[in-house]
Amino acid sequence: LISGLMVEGASWNSRTGRLAEQTQRLLFSPMPNVAVWATKDISEDNDLTERSDMTLLGPSGIRVKDPSKVVFGCPCYSSAKRGMRHHLFDMAVWTENPQTVTLWILRGVALLASKH
């Protein structure tokens, strides 16, 4: 369980459990406690085309059969300084549609363990 994460470039909607538009004048939005566990990176799965439950959207998104479930691979960094040296993991975050995945990528949305 991880607590104290902040989202930069967007805000967290606790009611829907999804990313939302960033609140004005608020650079960092607090995230609720997050349960984290390791999973297999499906981009390395050679049998992905044979699986009927998933289709690739792009570099950071996977769409599950249910059209309401689109995933954004949100990077998490140890601090506001971004880069591979500070990258901790990518967290799957549900979004409304494939277009919002592109929006979050272009805005540089990321989770931060520390604002400094």
Protein backbone atom coordinates (compact mmCIF):
# COMPACT_ATOMS: atom_id res chain seq x y z
CA LEU A 1 0.00 0.00 0.00
CA ILE A 2 1.43 3.36 -1.04
CA SER A 3 0.22 6.63 0.45
CA GLY A 4 1.22 10.21 -0.27
CA LEU A 5 1.37 10.05 -4.07
CA MET A 6 0.53 13.22 -5.96
CA VAL A 7 -0.70 13.47 -9.55
CA GLU A 8 0.77 16.21 -11.74
CA GLY A 9 -0.96 17.44 -14.92
CA ALA A 10 -4.40 16.17 -13.92
CA SER A 11 -6.47 15.56 -10.81
CA TRP A 12 -7.99 12.45 -9.27
CA ASN A 13 -11.76 12.05 -9.18
CA SER A 14 -12.47 9.87 -6.13
CA ARG A 15 -16.13 9.48 -7.09
CA THR A 16 -15.38 7.85 -10.47
CA GLY A 17 -11.95 6.43 -9.59
CA ARG A 18 -10.41 7.98 -12.71
CA LEU A 19 -8.19 10.85 -13.80
CA ALA A 20 -9.99 14.14 -14.40
CA GLU A 21 -9.20 17.60 -15.70
CA GLN A 22 -6.72 19.51 -13.56
CA THR A 23 -8.23 21.89 -11.04
CA GLN A 24 -7.26 25.52 -11.68
CA ARG A 25 -4.28 26.83 -9.68
CA LEU A 26 -3.55 23.37 -8.31
CA LEU A 27 -0.26 21.93 -9.59
CA PHE A 28 -0.42 18.71 -7.60
CA SER A 29 -3.51 16.73 -6.70
CA PRO A 30 -3.41 14.13 -3.90
CA MET A 31 -4.05 10.50 -4.80
CA PRO A 32 -5.84 8.07 -2.49
CA ASN A 33 -3.88 5.18 -1.01
CA VAL A 34 -2.82 2.83 -3.81
CA ALA A 35 -2.35 -0.93 -3.62
CA VAL A 36 0.58 -1.89 -5.87
CA TRP A 37 1.75 -5.28 -7.08
CA ALA A 38 3.98 -6.46 -9.91
CA THR A 39 2.50 -7.90 -13.09
CA LYS A 40 3.84 -9.29 -16.33
CA ASP A 41 4.52 -6.66 -19.01
CA ILE A 42 2.02 -7.69 -21.68
CA SER A 43 3.86 -5.71 -24.38
CA GLU A 44 6.41 -8.55 -24.32
CA ASP A 45 3.68 -11.17 -24.71
CA ASN A 46 4.06 -12.76 -28.15
CA ASP A 47 0.56 -14.24 -28.04
CA LEU A 48 -1.17 -10.86 -27.59
CA THR A 49 -2.79 -11.00 -31.03
CA GLU A 50 -4.39 -14.33 -30.16
CA ARG A 51 -5.97 -13.07 -26.95
CA SER A 52 -9.59 -12.05 -27.45
CA ASP A 53 -9.88 -9.95 -24.28
CA MET A 54 -7.37 -7.20 -25.16
CA THR A 55 -6.27 -5.02 -28.06
CA LEU A 56 -3.39 -2.55 -28.06
CA LEU A 57 -4.19 1.17 -28.23
CA GLY A 58 -0.70 2.58 -28.37
CA PRO A 59 2.47 2.98 -26.31
CA SER A 60 0.68 3.62 -23.01
CA GLY A 61 -2.83 2.26 -23.34
CA ILE A 62 -4.55 -1.09 -23.47
CA ARG A 63 -8.23 -1.40 -24.18
CA VAL A 64 -10.11 -4.24 -22.57
CA LYS A 65 -13.25 -5.67 -24.25
CA ASP A 66 -15.49 -3.57 -22.02
CA PRO A 67 -15.54 -0.17 -23.80
CA SER A 68 -15.73 1.70 -20.49
CA LYS A 69 -12.35 0.30 -19.41
CA VAL A 70 -9.38 2.00 -21.06
CA VAL A 71 -6.03 1.98 -19.28
CA PHE A 72 -3.39 4.73 -19.19
CA GLY A 73 0.08 3.59 -18.12
CA CYS A 74 0.80 6.52 -15.79
CA PRO A 75 4.50 6.82 -14.88
CA CYS A 76 5.43 7.30 -11.23
CA TYR A 77 8.59 9.20 -10.32
CA SER A 78 10.37 9.57 -6.99
CA SER A 79 10.44 13.38 -7.40
CA ALA A 80 9.41 16.18 -9.76
CA LYS A 81 12.69 15.61 -11.62
CA ARG A 82 11.68 13.23 -14.36
CA GLY A 83 13.87 10.74 -16.12
CA MET A 84 14.82 7.09 -15.95
CA ARG A 85 16.94 7.72 -12.86
CA HIS A 86 13.84 8.85 -10.94
CA HIS A 87 11.30 6.49 -12.56
CA LEU A 88 9.79 4.01 -10.08
CA PHE A 89 7.03 2.21 -11.99
CA ASP A 90 4.06 2.67 -14.33
CA MET A 91 0.60 2.41 -12.81
CA ALA A 92 -2.49 1.35 -14.76
CA VAL A 93 -5.10 4.11 -14.41
CA TRP A 94 -8.63 3.77 -15.87
CA THR A 95 -9.74 6.53 -18.24
CA GLU A 96 -12.96 7.19 -20.16
CA ASN A 97 -11.82 6.56 -23.75
CA PRO A 98 -8.75 6.17 -25.97
CA GLN A 99 -8.65 9.91 -26.68
CA THR A 100 -8.06 10.70 -23.00
CA VAL A 101 -5.05 8.35 -22.99
CA THR A 102 -3.49 10.52 -25.71
CA LEU A 103 -4.45 13.67 -23.79
CA TRP A 104 -2.74 12.48 -20.59
CA ILE A 105 0.40 11.52 -22.55
CA LEU A 106 0.58 14.93 -24.25
CA ARG A 107 0.05 16.74 -20.94
CA GLY A 108 2.81 14.73 -19.30
CA VAL A 109 0.59 13.42 -16.51
CA ALA A 110 2.61 11.58 -13.90
CA LEU A 111 2.47 10.43 -10.30
CA LEU A 112 5.06 11.84 -7.91
CA ALA A 113 6.21 10.36 -4.63
CA SER A 114 7.64 13.75 -3.62
CA LYS A 115 6.98 17.28 -4.90
CA HIS A 116 10.64 18.28 -4.49
